[in-house]
C-alpha atoms as a PDB file:
ATOM      1  CA  MET A   1     -10.746  11.118   1.079  1.00  0.00           C
ATOM      2  CA  PRO A   2      -9.973   8.808  -1.878  1.00  0.00           C
ATOM      3  CA  LYS A   3     -11.272   5.279  -1.670  1.00  0.00           C
ATOM      4  CA  HIS A   4      -7.867   3.603  -1.973  1.00  0.00           C
ATOM      5  CA  LEU A   5      -6.457   5.730   0.868  1.00  0.00           C
ATOM      6  CA  ARG A   6      -9.404   4.855   3.127  1.00  0.00           C
ATOM      7  CA  ARG A   7      -8.882   1.173   2.349  1.00  0.00           C
ATOM      8  CA  LEU A   8      -5.152   1.419   3.136  1.00  0.00           C
ATOM      9  CA  LEU A   9      -5.816   3.188   6.436  1.00  0.00           C
ATOM     10  CA  HIS A  10      -8.380   0.557   7.371  1.00  0.00           C
ATOM     11  CA  ARG A  11      -5.916  -2.253   6.717  1.00  0.00           C
ATOM     12  CA  LEU A  12      -3.208  -0.527   8.740  1.00  0.00           C
ATOM     13  CA  GLN A  13      -5.543  -0.488  11.740  1.00  0.00           C
ATOM     14  CA  LEU A  14      -5.437  -4.283  11.858  1.00  0.00           C
ATOM     15  CA  PRO A  15      -3.077  -5.674  14.527  1.00  0.00           C
ATOM     16  CA  GLU A  16      -1.700  -8.169  12.000  1.00  0.00           C
ATOM     17  CA  SER A  17      -0.290  -5.294   9.931  1.00  0.00           C
ATOM     18  CA  TRP A  18       1.578  -3.942  12.938  1.00  0.00           C
ATOM     19  CA  VAL A  19       3.080  -7.362  13.699  1.00  0.00           C
ATOM     20  CA  ILE A  20       4.059  -7.991  10.079  1.00  0.00           C
ATOM     21  CA  PHE A  21       5.878  -4.652   9.742  1.00  0.00           C
ATOM     22  CA  PHE A  22       7.611  -5.155  13.090  1.00  0.00           C
ATOM     23  CA  ILE A  23       8.866  -8.605  12.099  1.00  0.00           C
ATOM     24  CA  MET A  24       9.964  -7.306   8.686  1.00  0.00           C
ATOM     25  CA  GLY A  25      11.968  -4.562  10.412  1.00  0.00           C
ATOM     26  CA  ILE A  26      13.691  -7.076  12.669  1.00  0.00           C
ATOM     27  CA  ILE A  27      14.500  -9.368   9.751  1.00  0.00           C
ATOM     28  CA  MET A  28      15.880  -6.499   7.660  1.00  0.00           C
ATOM     29  CA  MET A  29      18.299  -5.555  10.469  1.00  0.00           C
ATOM     30  CA  ASN A  30      19.683  -9.071  11.021  1.00  0.00           C
ATOM     31  CA  PHE A  31      22.669 -10.889   9.603  1.00  0.00           C
ATOM     32  CA  PRO A  32      21.538 -12.134   6.167  1.00  0.00           C
ATOM     33  CA  PHE A  33      20.358  -8.756   4.886  1.00  0.00           C
ATOM     34  CA  MET A  34      23.130  -6.779   6.545  1.00  0.00           C
ATOM     35  CA  HIS A  35      25.702  -9.162   5.049  1.00  0.00           C
ATOM     36  CA  ILE A  36      24.214  -8.783   1.565  1.00  0.00           C
ATOM     37  CA  PHE A  37      24.736  -5.019   1.638  1.00  0.00           C
ATOM     38  CA  ASN A  38      28.101  -5.033   3.432  1.00  0.00           C
ATOM     39  CA  LYS A  39      30.114  -4.782   0.206  1.00  0.00           C
ATOM     40  CA  PRO A  40      32.947  -2.426  -0.733  1.00  0.00           C
ATOM     41  CA  SER A  41      30.981  -1.146  -3.757  1.00  0.00           C
ATOM     42  CA  THR A  42      29.478   2.333  -3.868  1.00  0.00           C
ATOM     43  CA  ILE A  43      26.519   4.015  -5.556  1.00  0.00           C
ATOM     44  CA  PHE A  44      27.035   7.717  -6.320  1.00  0.00           C
ATOM     45  CA  GLY A  45      30.029   7.602  -3.979  1.00  0.00           C
ATOM     46  CA  PHE A  46      28.058   6.289  -0.989  1.00  0.00           C
ATOM     47  CA  PRO A  47      28.812   2.853   0.458  1.00  0.00           C
ATOM     48  CA  LEU A  48      26.085   0.295  -0.145  1.00  0.00           C
ATOM     49  CA  MET A  49      25.621  -0.383   3.588  1.00  0.00           C
ATOM     50  CA  PHE A  50      25.093   3.340   4.269  1.00  0.00           C
ATOM     51  CA  LEU A  51      22.409   3.558   1.570  1.00  0.00           C
ATOM     52  CA  TYR A  52      20.699   0.405   2.844  1.00  0.00           C
ATOM     53  CA  LEU A  53      20.486   1.768   6.388  1.00  0.00           C
ATOM     54  CA  PHE A  54      19.533   5.301   5.319  1.00  0.00           C
ATOM     55  CA  ILE A  55      16.786   4.181   2.910  1.00  0.00           C
ATOM     56  CA  GLY A  56      15.533   1.594   5.426  1.00  0.00           C
ATOM     57  CA  TRP A  57      15.364   4.314   8.081  1.00  0.00           C
ATOM     58  CA  ALA A  58      13.393   6.606   5.752  1.00  0.00           C
ATOM     59  CA  VAL A  59      10.982   3.805   4.795  1.00  0.00           C
ATOM     60  CA  SER A  60      10.416   2.908   8.454  1.00  0.00           C
ATOM     61  CA  ILE A  61       9.590   6.538   9.262  1.00  0.00           C
ATOM     62  CA  PHE A  62       7.105   6.591   6.371  1.00  0.00           C
ATOM     63  CA  VAL A  63       5.462   3.366   7.608  1.00  0.00           C
ATOM     64  CA  ILE A  64       5.177   4.814  11.123  1.00  0.00           C
ATOM     65  CA  TYR A  65       3.599   7.928   9.594  1.00  0.00           C
ATOM     66  CA  LEU A  66       1.038   5.754   7.790  1.00  0.00           C
ATOM     67  CA  PHE A  67       0.240   3.931  11.040  1.00  0.00           C
ATOM     68  CA  THR A  68      -0.323   7.233  12.843  1.00  0.00           C
ATOM     69  CA  LEU A  69      -2.648   8.341  10.037  1.00  0.00           C
ATOM     70  CA  ALA A  70      -4.577   5.104  10.419  1.00  0.00           C
ATOM     71  CA  VAL A  71      -4.936   5.564  14.169  1.00  0.00           C
ATOM     72  CA  GLY A  72      -5.982   9.201  13.706  1.00  0.00           C
ATOM     73  CA  HIS A  73      -8.489   8.155  11.038  1.00  0.00           C
ATOM     74  CA  ASN A  74      -9.985   5.616  13.447  1.00  0.00           C
ATOM     75  CA  ASP A  75     -10.257   8.257  16.208  1.00  0.00           C
ATOM     76  CA  ASP A  76     -12.049  10.621  13.809  1.00  0.00           C
ATOM     77  CA  LYS A  77     -14.566   7.907  12.902  1.00  0.00           C
ATOM     78  CA  ASN A  78     -15.196   7.143  16.594  1.00  0.00           C
ATOM     79  CA  GLN A  79     -15.827  10.821  17.368  1.00  0.00           C
ATOM     80  CA  GLU A  80     -18.273  11.114  14.458  1.00  0.00           C
ATOM     81  CA  THR A  81     -20.301   8.123  15.640  1.00  0.00           C
ATOM     82  CA  HIS A  82     -20.427   9.424  19.245  1.00  0.00           C
ATOM     83  CA  GLN A  83     -21.613  12.862  18.134  1.00  0.00           C
ATOM     84  CA  GLN A  84     -24.580  11.544  16.147  1.00  0.00           C
END
């Protein structure tokens, strides 16, 4: 596994990372950010609010995927140490 990926997975195992991403998600779904993107303009024919929610949803799924990789990586390391 590449060194930078191992370092990222290690940092995602920290409880502070979980709290930071949770708070960021709450902030991104509250009034100031929602109001910024609630405009009548469109990008490629899609309303700006739709793109904001759709891209935010996709990014949150990717972050959850990274967290599950980090937890799985930690479980693998624990099993290796118990087997030795």
